Amino acid sequence: MIPAAFDYIAPQSLDEAMRALAAHGEDAKLLAGGHSLLPLIKLRLANPKLLIDLSRIPGLNGISEQDGKIVIGAMTTHYRIESSELLKKKCPLLPETAREIGDVQVRNLGTIGGSLTHADPAADWPAAILALGGELRLRGPQGERTLVAEKFFLGPMTTAIEPNEILSEIHVPMSSRRSGSAYRKMAQQASGFAIVGVAVSVRLDAKGFCEEIGVGVTGLSDKAFRAHAVEERIRGKKLNAKLIEESAALAADGIEPLEDLHANAQFRAHLARVYAARAIEEAVKRAASRR
């Protein structure tokens, strides 16, 4: 289908983009990689009168190490994250997750910020950012504010970002000694989206006890979430196969699983338990090797 007519601008600064967004309100849409927005426009499920292209704004694209954290610009592509040597050393969960997104064309143009703000219930990035305890930096007319990832995702295609705000950066902690991570999912064959995906970040002490763990789940519910029941079952304990299996069995507790043509609710819950166990097992294995 041919989209309705719209105007297009490419601001040279974040302030310019925010002014345009404020001036046009609901008639404006921000354009990042375009993989989520453009299909909606072609189907006329979205009919913006103005597209604000963020690709020419300096500072929104890049990966750096600042004050003991990894900072990723919202316009950084999936491929740049996948291929980043810094991330492979300091936060390997992100390159691993990026490799699981779509196909080569999608990874070359799609952006982490676009994916997070679109908040598709089956997207890969939310699970990883939740597992890492990431923070999202938002810029608006009143200045900057930071939200932890758990407070950002509110529902299907719904986030806590205000209509006049722009996601500028994602902050995640760097991995440390005896830390490990993993992302495991069952993907839809046509799109690559997760039927269920589980991201895990774990840190062990010198005796193999779990000091900290984050478990992010996508695809199971109408929004990505942290599996606190799994985390609480593991945190502070000596990890072994039996404990991992028992903990992973709690992955769908308190959740109403989605049901669609890809999987019914019962199967999705089963997948969440299976992939939680696999991701935890692999993350612990990697943590044990980083002594």
C-alpha atoms as a PDB file:
ATOM      1  CA  MET A   1       0.000   0.000   0.000  1.00  0.00           C
ATOM      2  CA  ILE A   2       1.201   3.518  -0.766  1.00  0.00           C
ATOM      3  CA  PRO A   3       1.570   5.711   2.349  1.00  0.00           C
ATOM      4  CA  ALA A   4      -0.266   8.994   2.782  1.00  0.00           C
ATOM      5  CA  ALA A   5       1.686  12.163   2.019  1.00  0.00           C
ATOM      6  CA  PHE A   6       3.973  13.531   4.734  1.00  0.00           C
ATOM      7  CA  ASP A   7       6.694  16.138   5.194  1.00  0.00           C
ATOM      8  CA  TYR A   8      10.254  15.233   6.125  1.00  0.00           C
ATOM      9  CA  ILE A   9      13.030  17.012   8.013  1.00  0.00           C
ATOM     10  CA  ALA A  10      16.497  15.920   9.130  1.00  0.00           C
ATOM     11  CA  PRO A  11      17.523  18.047  12.146  1.00  0.00           C
ATOM     12  CA  GLN A  12      21.184  18.674  12.846  1.00  0.00           C
ATOM     13  CA  SER A  13      20.833  18.713  16.637  1.00  0.00           C
ATOM     14  CA  LEU A  14      18.774  17.122  19.382  1.00  0.00           C
ATOM     15  CA  ASP A  15      17.400  20.529  20.375  1.00  0.00           C
ATOM     16  CA  GLU A  16      16.197  21.135  16.814  1.00  0.00           C
ATOM     17  CA  ALA A  17      14.503  17.732  16.763  1.00  0.00           C
ATOM     18  CA  MET A  18      12.785  18.422  20.092  1.00  0.00           C
ATOM     19  CA  ARG A  19      11.513  21.798  18.868  1.00  0.00           C
ATOM     20  CA  ALA A  20      10.015  20.181  15.772  1.00  0.00           C
ATOM     21  CA  LEU A  21       8.451  17.447  17.894  1.00  0.00           C
ATOM     22  CA  ALA A  22       6.946  20.016  20.271  1.00  0.00           C
ATOM     23  CA  ALA A  23       5.643  22.164  17.413  1.00  0.00           C
ATOM     24  CA  HIS A  24       3.851  19.354  15.596  1.00  0.00           C
ATOM     25  CA  GLY A  25       2.748  17.183  18.528  1.00  0.00           C
ATOM     26  CA  GLU A  26       0.916  13.995  17.567  1.00  0.00           C
ATOM     27  CA  ASP A  27       1.277  14.822  13.856  1.00  0.00           C
ATOM     28  CA  ALA A  28       5.038  14.117  14.050  1.00  0.00           C
ATOM     29  CA  LYS A  29       6.915  10.822  14.287  1.00  0.00           C
ATOM     30  CA  LEU A  30      10.590  10.224  14.976  1.00  0.00           C
ATOM     31  CA  LEU A  31      12.434   8.184  12.340  1.00  0.00           C
ATOM     32  CA  ALA A  32      15.369   6.014  13.430  1.00  0.00           C
ATOM     33  CA  GLY A  33      16.102   2.905  11.349  1.00  0.00           C
ATOM     34  CA  GLY A  34      12.534   2.840  10.062  1.00  0.00           C
ATOM     35  CA  HIS A  35      11.974  -0.916  10.276  1.00  0.00           C
ATOM     36  CA  SER A  36       9.041  -0.543  12.664  1.00  0.00           C
ATOM     37  CA  LEU A  37       7.593   2.811  11.586  1.00  0.00           C
ATOM     38  CA  LEU A  38       7.689   2.574   7.782  1.00  0.00           C
ATOM     39  CA  PRO A  39       5.612  -0.637   7.537  1.00  0.00           C
ATOM     40  CA  LEU A  40       2.982   0.994   9.787  1.00  0.00           C
ATOM     41  CA  ILE A  41       2.925   4.038   7.503  1.00  0.00           C
ATOM     42  CA  LYS A  42       2.608   1.881   4.382  1.00  0.00           C
ATOM     43  CA  LEU A  43      -0.313   0.030   5.955  1.00  0.00           C
ATOM     44  CA  ARG A  44      -1.744   3.400   7.054  1.00  0.00           C
ATOM     45  CA  LEU A  45      -1.824   2.232  10.646  1.00  0.00           C
ATOM     46  CA  ALA A  46       0.235   5.361  11.308  1.00  0.00           C
ATOM     47  CA  ASN A  47      -0.378   8.584   9.384  1.00  0.00           C
ATOM     48  CA  PRO A  48       2.162  11.204  10.495  1.00  0.00           C
ATOM     49  CA  LYS A  49       2.196  14.555   8.759  1.00  0.00           C
ATOM     50  CA  LEU A  50       5.888  14.995   9.567  1.00  0.00           C
ATOM     51  CA  LEU A  51       8.808  12.566   9.848  1.00  0.00           C
ATOM     52  CA  ILE A  52      11.741  13.775  11.959  1.00  0.00           C
ATOM     53  CA  ASP A  53      14.835  11.867  10.849  1.00  0.00           C
ATOM     54  CA  LEU A  54      17.328  11.503  13.732  1.00  0.00           C
ATOM     55  CA  SER A  55      20.144   9.982  11.679  1.00  0.00           C
ATOM     56  CA  ARG A  56      22.109  13.231  11.180  1.00  0.00           C
ATOM     57  CA  ILE A  57      22.229  14.279  14.820  1.00  0.00           C
ATOM     58  CA  PRO A  58      25.769  13.995  16.199  1.00  0.00           C
ATOM     59  CA  GLY A  59      26.185  12.175  19.489  1.00  0.00           C
ATOM     60  CA  LEU A  60      23.242   9.811  19.074  1.00  0.00           C
ATOM     61  CA  ASN A  61      25.325   7.122  17.398  1.00  0.00           C
ATOM     62  CA  GLY A  62      28.206   5.482  19.228  1.00  0.00           C
ATOM     63  CA  ILE A  63      29.473   3.202  21.965  1.00  0.00           C
ATOM     64  CA  SER A  64      31.734   4.404  24.760  1.00  0.00           C
ATOM     65  CA  GLU A  65      32.923   3.683  28.277  1.00  0.00           C
ATOM     66  CA  GLN A  66      32.045   6.398  30.807  1.00  0.00           C
ATOM     67  CA  ASP A  67      32.354   6.369  34.603  1.00  0.00           C
ATOM     68  CA  GLY A  68      32.464   2.588  34.786  1.00  0.00           C
ATOM     69  CA  LYS A  69      29.459   2.070  32.512  1.00  0.00           C
ATOM     70  CA  ILE A  70      28.847   1.401  28.846  1.00  0.00           C
ATOM     71  CA  VAL A  71      26.984   4.218  27.085  1.00  0.00           C
ATOM     72  CA  ILE A  72      25.260   3.494  23.775  1.00  0.00           C
ATOM     73  CA  GLY A  73      23.688   6.186  21.627  1.00  0.00           C
ATOM     74  CA  ALA A  74      20.070   5.497  20.753  1.00  0.00           C
ATOM     75  CA  MET A  75      20.801   5.634  16.994  1.00  0.00           C
ATOM     76  CA  THR A  76      23.503   2.960  17.188  1.00  0.00           C
ATOM     77  CA  THR A  77      22.705   0.136  14.788  1.00  0.00           C
ATOM     78  CA  HIS A  78      22.312  -3.490  15.766  1.00  0.00           C
ATOM     79  CA  TYR A  79      25.304  -4.385  13.579  1.00  0.00           C
ATOM     80  CA  ARG A  80      27.572  -1.835  15.246  1.00  0.00           C
ATOM     81  CA  ILE A  81      26.688  -3.355  18.613  1.00  0.00           C
ATOM     82  CA  GLU A  82      27.149  -6.872  17.247  1.00  0.00           C
ATOM     83  CA  SER A  83      30.635  -6.053  15.935  1.00  0.00           C
ATOM     84  CA  SER A  84      31.878  -3.805  18.775  1.00  0.00           C
ATOM     85  CA  GLU A  85      35.143  -5.060  20.268  1.00  0.00           C
ATOM     86  CA  LEU A  86      34.537  -2.952  23.376  1.00  0.00           C
ATOM     87  CA  LEU A  87      31.205  -4.647  23.998  1.00  0.00           C
ATOM     88  CA  LYS A  88      32.564  -8.106  23.311  1.00  0.00           C
ATOM     89  CA  LYS A  89      35.021  -7.542  26.163  1.00  0.00           C
ATOM     90  CA  LYS A  90      33.010  -5.362  28.552  1.00  0.00           C
ATOM     91  CA  CYS A  91      29.346  -6.329  27.958  1.00  0.00           C
ATOM     92  CA  PRO A  92      29.127  -9.455  25.777  1.00  0.00           C
ATOM     93  CA  LEU A  93      25.379  -9.928  26.277  1.00  0.00           C
ATOM     94  CA  LEU A  94      24.728  -7.025  23.908  1.00  0.00           C
ATOM     95  CA  PRO A  95      26.652  -8.360  20.878  1.00  0.00           C
ATOM     96  CA  GLU A  96      25.152 -11.806  21.494  1.00  0.00           C
ATOM     97  CA  THR A  97      21.639 -10.353  21.519  1.00  0.00           C
ATOM     98  CA  ALA A  98      22.307  -8.214  18.444  1.00  0.00           C
ATOM     99  CA  ARG A  99      23.282 -11.306  16.432  1.00  0.00           C
ATOM    100  CA  GLU A 100      19.814 -12.732  17.077  1.00  0.00           C
ATOM    101  CA  ILE A 101      17.940  -9.771  15.585  1.00  0.00           C
ATOM    102  CA  GLY A 102      16.301 -10.135  12.175  1.00  0.00           C
ATOM    103  CA  ASP A 103      18.698 -10.516   9.272  1.00  0.00           C
ATOM    104  CA  VAL A 104      21.768  -8.693   7.937  1.00  0.00           C
ATOM    105  CA  GLN A 105      19.739  -5.919   6.308  1.00  0.00           C
ATOM    106  CA  VAL A 106      17.768  -5.267   9.484  1.00  0.00           C
ATOM    107  CA  ARG A 107      20.904  -5.241  11.636  1.00  0.00           C
ATOM    108  CA  ASN A 108      22.649  -2.803   9.314  1.00  0.00           C
ATOM    109  CA  LEU A 109      19.897  -0.160   9.536  1.00  0.00           C
ATOM    110  CA  GLY A 110      17.823  -0.924  12.621  1.00  0.00           C
ATOM    111  CA  THR A 111      18.750   0.889  15.835  1.00  0.00           C
ATOM    112  CA  ILE A 112      18.674  -0.078  19.493  1.00  0.00           C
ATOM    113  CA  GLY A 113      16.779   3.087  20.418  1.00  0.00           C
ATOM    114  CA  GLY A 114      14.156   2.531  17.753  1.00  0.00           C
ATOM    115  CA  SER A 115      13.586  -1.011  18.966  1.00  0.00           C
ATOM    116  CA  LEU A 116      13.345  -0.049  22.640  1.00  0.00           C
ATOM    117  CA  THR A 117      10.900   2.814  22.086  1.00  0.00           C
ATOM    118  CA  HIS A 118       8.753   0.734  19.723  1.00  0.00           C
ATOM    119  CA  ALA A 119       8.418  -1.805  22.586  1.00  0.00           C
ATOM    120  CA  ASP A 120       7.269  -4.758  20.525  1.00  0.00           C
ATOM    121  CA  PRO A 121       6.383  -7.534  23.014  1.00  0.00           C
ATOM    122  CA  ALA A 122       8.547  -9.956  20.999  1.00  0.00           C
ATOM    123  CA  ALA A 123      11.602  -7.713  20.488  1.00  0.00           C
ATOM    124  CA  ASP A 124      15.027  -8.924  21.628  1.00  0.00           C
ATOM    125  CA  TRP A 125      16.597  -5.771  23.103  1.00  0.00           C
ATOM    126  CA  PRO A 126      14.202  -5.266  26.022  1.00  0.00           C
ATOM    127  CA  ALA A 127      15.098  -8.668  27.518  1.00  0.00           C
ATOM    128  CA  ALA A 128      18.825  -7.897  27.430  1.00  0.00           C
ATOM    129  CA  ILE A 129      18.521  -4.359  28.811  1.00  0.00           C
ATOM    130  CA  LEU A 130      16.253  -5.604  31.608  1.00  0.00           C
ATOM    131  CA  ALA A 131      18.632  -8.435  32.524  1.00  0.00           C
ATOM    132  CA  LEU A 132      21.528  -5.983  32.739  1.00  0.00           C
ATOM    133  CA  GLY A 133      19.583  -3.502  34.870  1.00  0.00           C
ATOM    134  CA  GLY A 134      20.058  -0.877  32.177  1.00  0.00           C
ATOM    135  CA  GLU A 135      19.009   2.765  32.327  1.00  0.00           C
ATOM    136  CA  LEU A 136      17.514   4.911  29.572  1.00  0.00           C
ATOM    137  CA  ARG A 137      18.387   8.596  29.242  1.00  0.00           C
ATOM    138  CA  LEU A 138      15.528  10.739  27.921  1.00  0.00           C
ATOM    139  CA  ARG A 139      15.754  14.323  26.670  1.00  0.00           C
ATOM    140  CA  GLY A 140      12.801  16.682  26.636  1.00  0.00           C
ATOM    141  CA  PRO A 141      11.906  20.387  26.902  1.00  0.00           C
ATOM    142  CA  GLN A 142      12.325  20.228  30.692  1.00  0.00           C
ATOM    143  CA  GLY A 143      15.806  18.703  30.445  1.00  0.00           C
ATOM    144  CA  GLU A 144      17.121  15.182  30.982  1.00  0.00           C
ATOM    145  CA  ARG A 145      15.763  12.337  33.037  1.00  0.00           C
ATOM    146  CA  THR A 146      16.821   8.726  33.510  1.00  0.00           C
ATOM    147  CA  LEU A 147      14.553   5.720  33.839  1.00  0.00           C
ATOM    148  CA  VAL A 148      15.512   2.204  34.857  1.00  0.00           C
ATOM    149  CA  ALA A 149      14.476  -0.285  32.194  1.00  0.00           C
ATOM    150  CA  GLU A 150      11.810  -1.901  34.388  1.00  0.00           C
ATOM    151  CA  LYS A 151       9.893   1.388  34.557  1.00  0.00           C
ATOM    152  CA  PHE A 152      10.237   2.060  30.836  1.00  0.00           C
ATOM    153  CA  PHE A 153       8.173  -0.783  29.341  1.00  0.00           C
ATOM    154  CA  LEU A 154       4.488  -0.316  30.186  1.00  0.00           C
ATOM    155  CA  GLY A 155       2.670  -2.554  27.709  1.00  0.00           C
ATOM    156  CA  PRO A 156       2.473  -3.588  24.047  1.00  0.00           C
ATOM    157  CA  MET A 157       4.021  -0.789  21.964  1.00  0.00           C
ATOM    158  CA  THR A 158       3.800   1.438  25.047  1.00  0.00           C
ATOM    159  CA  THR A 159       6.615   2.994  27.072  1.00  0.00           C
ATOM    160  CA  ALA A 160       7.026   5.660  29.733  1.00  0.00           C
ATOM    161  CA  ILE A 161       8.575   8.102  27.258  1.00  0.00           C
ATOM    162  CA  GLU A 162       6.565  11.324  27.017  1.00  0.00           C
ATOM    163  CA  PRO A 163       5.278  12.523  23.609  1.00  0.00           C
ATOM    164  CA  ASN A 164       7.784  15.410  23.601  1.00  0.00           C
ATOM    165  CA  GLU A 165      10.804  13.351  24.726  1.00  0.00           C
ATOM    166  CA  ILE A 166      13.561  11.617  22.758  1.00  0.00           C
ATOM    167  CA  LEU A 167      15.583   8.623  23.910  1.00  0.00           C
ATOM    168  CA  SER A 168      19.228   9.700  23.638  1.00  0.00           C
ATOM    169  CA  GLU A 169      21.327   7.041  25.409  1.00  0.00           C
ATOM    170  CA  ILE A 170      21.242   3.614  26.994  1.00  0.00           C
ATOM    171  CA  HIS A 171      23.511   2.973  29.999  1.00  0.00           C
ATOM    172  CA  VAL A 172      24.449  -0.551  31.094  1.00  0.00           C
ATOM    173  CA  PRO A 173      27.009  -1.850  33.612  1.00  0.00           C
ATOM    174  CA  MET A 174      30.234  -3.429  32.448  1.00  0.00           C
ATOM    175  CA  SER A 175      30.846  -7.094  33.150  1.00  0.00           C
ATOM    176  CA  SER A 176      33.233  -7.939  35.959  1.00  0.00           C
ATOM    177  CA  ARG A 177      35.210 -10.924  37.187  1.00  0.00           C
ATOM    178  CA  ARG A 178      33.128 -14.069  37.673  1.00  0.00           C
ATOM    179  CA  SER A 179      30.257 -12.587  35.663  1.00  0.00           C
ATOM    180  CA  GLY A 180      28.551 -14.201  32.708  1.00  0.00           C
ATOM    181  CA  SER A 181      25.571 -13.683  30.453  1.00  0.00           C
ATOM    182  CA  ALA A 182      23.552 -15.412  27.750  1.00  0.00           C
ATOM    183  CA  TYR A 183      20.552 -14.874  25.491  1.00  0.00           C
ATOM    184  CA  ARG A 184      18.488 -17.828  24.287  1.00  0.00           C
ATOM    185  CA  LYS A 185      15.272 -17.731  22.275  1.00  0.00           C
ATOM    186  CA  MET A 186      12.925 -19.580  19.975  1.00  0.00           C
ATOM    187  CA  ALA A 187      12.469 -17.330  16.969  1.00  0.00           C
ATOM    188  CA  GLN A 188       9.640 -16.909  14.515  1.00  0.00           C
ATOM    189  CA  GLN A 189      11.109 -18.312  11.329  1.00  0.00           C
ATOM    190  CA  ALA A 190       9.857 -15.569   9.010  1.00  0.00           C
ATOM    191  CA  SER A 191      10.622 -12.471  11.074  1.00  0.00           C
ATOM    192  CA  GLY A 192      13.212 -13.541  13.636  1.00  0.00           C
ATOM    193  CA  PHE A 193      11.146 -12.065  16.470  1.00  0.00           C
ATOM    194  CA  ALA A 194      11.113 -14.077  19.677  1.00  0.00           C
ATOM    195  CA  ILE A 195       8.261 -16.450  20.357  1.00  0.00           C
ATOM    196  CA  VAL A 196       9.997 -16.527  23.733  1.00  0.00           C
ATOM    197  CA  GLY A 197      13.450 -15.178  24.569  1.00  0.00           C
ATOM    198  CA  VAL A 198      15.353 -15.095  27.849  1.00  0.00           C
ATOM    199  CA  ALA A 199      18.404 -12.966  28.658  1.00  0.00           C
ATOM    200  CA  VAL A 200      20.451 -13.639  31.793  1.00  0.00           C
ATOM    201  CA  SER A 201      23.244 -11.740  33.509  1.00  0.00           C
ATOM    202  CA  VAL A 202      24.836 -13.358  36.568  1.00  0.00           C
ATOM    203  CA  ARG A 203      27.738 -12.646  38.923  1.00  0.00           C
ATOM    204  CA  LEU A 204      29.241 -15.322  41.173  1.00  0.00           C
ATOM    205  CA  ASP A 205      31.442 -15.067  44.228  1.00  0.00           C
ATOM    206  CA  ALA A 206      34.706 -16.961  44.635  1.00  0.00           C
ATOM    207  CA  LYS A 207      32.883 -20.031  45.999  1.00  0.00           C
ATOM    208  CA  GLY A 208      30.313 -20.217  43.210  1.00  0.00           C
ATOM    209  CA  PHE A 209      27.431 -18.583  45.088  1.00  0.00           C
ATOM    210  CA  CYS A 210      25.227 -16.178  43.115  1.00  0.00           C
ATOM    211  CA  GLU A 211      25.905 -12.584  44.173  1.00  0.00           C
ATOM    212  CA  GLU A 212      23.571 -11.007  41.627  1.00  0.00           C
ATOM    213  CA  ILE A 213      21.355 -12.105  38.738  1.00  0.00           C
ATOM    214  CA  GLY A 214      19.059 -10.451  36.218  1.00  0.00           C
ATOM    215  CA  VAL A 215      16.607 -12.411  34.071  1.00  0.00           C
ATOM    216  CA  GLY A 216      14.793 -10.589  31.255  1.00  0.00           C
ATOM    217  CA  VAL A 217      11.984 -12.304  29.352  1.00  0.00           C
ATOM    218  CA  THR A 218      10.464 -11.291  26.025  1.00  0.00           C
ATOM    219  CA  GLY A 219       7.734 -12.774  23.844  1.00  0.00           C
ATOM    220  CA  LEU A 220       5.872 -14.423  26.721  1.00  0.00           C
ATOM    221  CA  SER A 221       3.699 -11.517  27.836  1.00  0.00           C
ATOM    222  CA  ASP A 222       2.344  -8.277  26.392  1.00  0.00           C
ATOM    223  CA  LYS A 223       5.574  -6.598  27.483  1.00  0.00           C
ATOM    224  CA  ALA A 224       9.126  -7.654  28.343  1.00  0.00           C
ATOM    225  CA  PHE A 225       9.694  -8.133  32.073  1.00  0.00           C
ATOM    226  CA  ARG A 226      12.182  -9.230  34.716  1.00  0.00           C
ATOM    227  CA  ALA A 227      11.485 -12.681  36.131  1.00  0.00           C
ATOM    228  CA  HIS A 228      11.878 -11.754  39.800  1.00  0.00           C
ATOM    229  CA  ALA A 229      10.687 -15.141  41.055  1.00  0.00           C
ATOM    230  CA  VAL A 230      13.546 -16.817  39.195  1.00  0.00           C
ATOM    231  CA  GLU A 231      16.072 -14.270  40.443  1.00  0.00           C
ATOM    232  CA  GLU A 232      14.991 -14.559  44.069  1.00  0.00           C
ATOM    233  CA  ARG A 233      15.176 -18.347  43.949  1.00  0.00           C
ATOM    234  CA  ILE A 234      18.805 -18.200  42.767  1.00  0.00           C
ATOM    235  CA  ARG A 235      20.289 -15.100  44.416  1.00  0.00           C
ATOM    236  CA  GLY A 236      22.634 -15.932  47.297  1.00  0.00           C
ATOM    237  CA  LYS A 237      22.697 -19.667  46.614  1.00  0.00           C
ATOM    238  CA  LYS A 238      25.272 -22.132  45.353  1.00  0.00           C
ATOM    239  CA  LEU A 239      24.366 -22.874  41.768  1.00  0.00           C
ATOM    240  CA  ASN A 240      23.913 -26.407  40.464  1.00  0.00           C
ATOM    241  CA  ALA A 241      21.797 -28.115  37.813  1.00  0.00           C
ATOM    242  CA  LYS A 242      18.927 -28.915  40.205  1.00  0.00           C
ATOM    243  CA  LEU A 243      18.626 -25.344  41.460  1.00  0.00           C
ATOM    244  CA  ILE A 244      18.741 -23.963  37.922  1.00  0.00           C
ATOM    245  CA  GLU A 245      15.951 -26.288  36.807  1.00  0.00           C
ATOM    246  CA  GLU A 246      13.811 -25.465  39.847  1.00  0.00           C
ATOM    247  CA  SER A 247      14.361 -21.741  39.406  1.00  0.00           C
ATOM    248  CA  ALA A 248      13.673 -21.733  35.670  1.00  0.00           C
ATOM    249  CA  ALA A 249      10.343 -23.440  36.366  1.00  0.00           C
ATOM    250  CA  LEU A 250       9.194 -20.121  37.877  1.00  0.00           C
ATOM    251  CA  ALA A 251       9.805 -18.104  34.692  1.00  0.00           C
ATOM    252  CA  ALA A 252       6.110 -17.795  33.829  1.00  0.00           C
ATOM    253  CA  ASP A 253       4.808 -17.414  37.383  1.00  0.00           C
ATOM    254  CA  GLY A 254       2.213 -14.659  37.689  1.00  0.00           C
ATOM    255  CA  ILE A 255       2.256 -14.012  33.938  1.00  0.00           C
ATOM    256  CA  GLU A 256      -0.646 -14.368  31.507  1.00  0.00           C
ATOM    257  CA  PRO A 257       1.097 -15.741  28.409  1.00  0.00           C
ATOM    258  CA  LEU A 258       0.269 -14.444  24.954  1.00  0.00           C
ATOM    259  CA  GLU A 259      -1.574 -16.735  22.570  1.00  0.00           C
ATOM    260  CA  ASP A 260      -1.410 -16.393  18.787  1.00  0.00           C
ATOM    261  CA  LEU A 261      -0.786 -18.350  15.590  1.00  0.00           C
ATOM    262  CA  HIS A 262       2.841 -18.946  16.604  1.00  0.00           C
ATOM    263  CA  ALA A 263       2.189 -20.553  19.998  1.00  0.00           C
ATOM    264  CA  ASN A 264      -0.617 -21.032  22.477  1.00  0.00           C
ATOM    265  CA  ALA A 265      -0.317 -19.857  26.074  1.00  0.00           C
ATOM    266  CA  GLN A 266       0.653 -23.239  27.505  1.00  0.00           C
ATOM    267  CA  PHE A 267       3.436 -23.760  24.972  1.00  0.00           C
ATOM    268  CA  ARG A 268       4.785 -20.245  25.515  1.00  0.00           C
ATOM    269  CA  ALA A 269       4.969 -20.832  29.255  1.00  0.00           C
ATOM    270  CA  HIS A 270       6.787 -24.113  28.616  1.00  0.00           C
ATOM    271  CA  LEU A 271       9.250 -22.346  26.306  1.00  0.00           C
ATOM    272  CA  ALA A 272       9.922 -19.692  28.941  1.00  0.00           C
ATOM    273  CA  ARG A 273      10.934 -22.371  31.435  1.00  0.00           C
ATOM    274  CA  VAL A 274      13.103 -24.229  28.918  1.00  0.00           C
ATOM    275  CA  TYR A 275      14.926 -21.161  27.625  1.00  0.00           C
ATOM    276  CA  ALA A 276      15.340 -19.700  31.104  1.00  0.00           C
ATOM    277  CA  ALA A 277      17.117 -22.885  32.162  1.00  0.00           C
ATOM    278  CA  ARG A 278      19.329 -22.855  29.074  1.00  0.00           C
ATOM    279  CA  ALA A 279      20.237 -19.183  29.427  1.00  0.00           C
ATOM    280  CA  ILE A 280      20.983 -19.464  33.161  1.00  0.00           C
ATOM    281  CA  GLU A 281      23.079 -22.580  32.643  1.00  0.00           C
ATOM    282  CA  GLU A 282      25.155 -20.927  29.924  1.00  0.00           C
ATOM    283  CA  ALA A 283      25.553 -17.656  31.850  1.00  0.00           C
ATOM    284  CA  VAL A 284      26.764 -19.532  34.942  1.00  0.00           C
ATOM    285  CA  LYS A 285      29.181 -21.574  32.852  1.00  0.00           C
ATOM    286  CA  ARG A 286      30.649 -18.406  31.373  1.00  0.00           C
ATOM    287  CA  ALA A 287      30.838 -16.718  34.768  1.00  0.00           C
ATOM    288  CA  ALA A 288      32.718 -19.674  36.235  1.00  0.00           C
ATOM    289  CA  SER A 289      35.306 -19.418  33.461  1.00  0.00           C
ATOM    290  CA  ARG A 290      36.011 -15.713  34.189  1.00  0.00           C
ATOM    291  CA  ARG A 291      37.999 -16.062  37.354  1.00  0.00           C
END
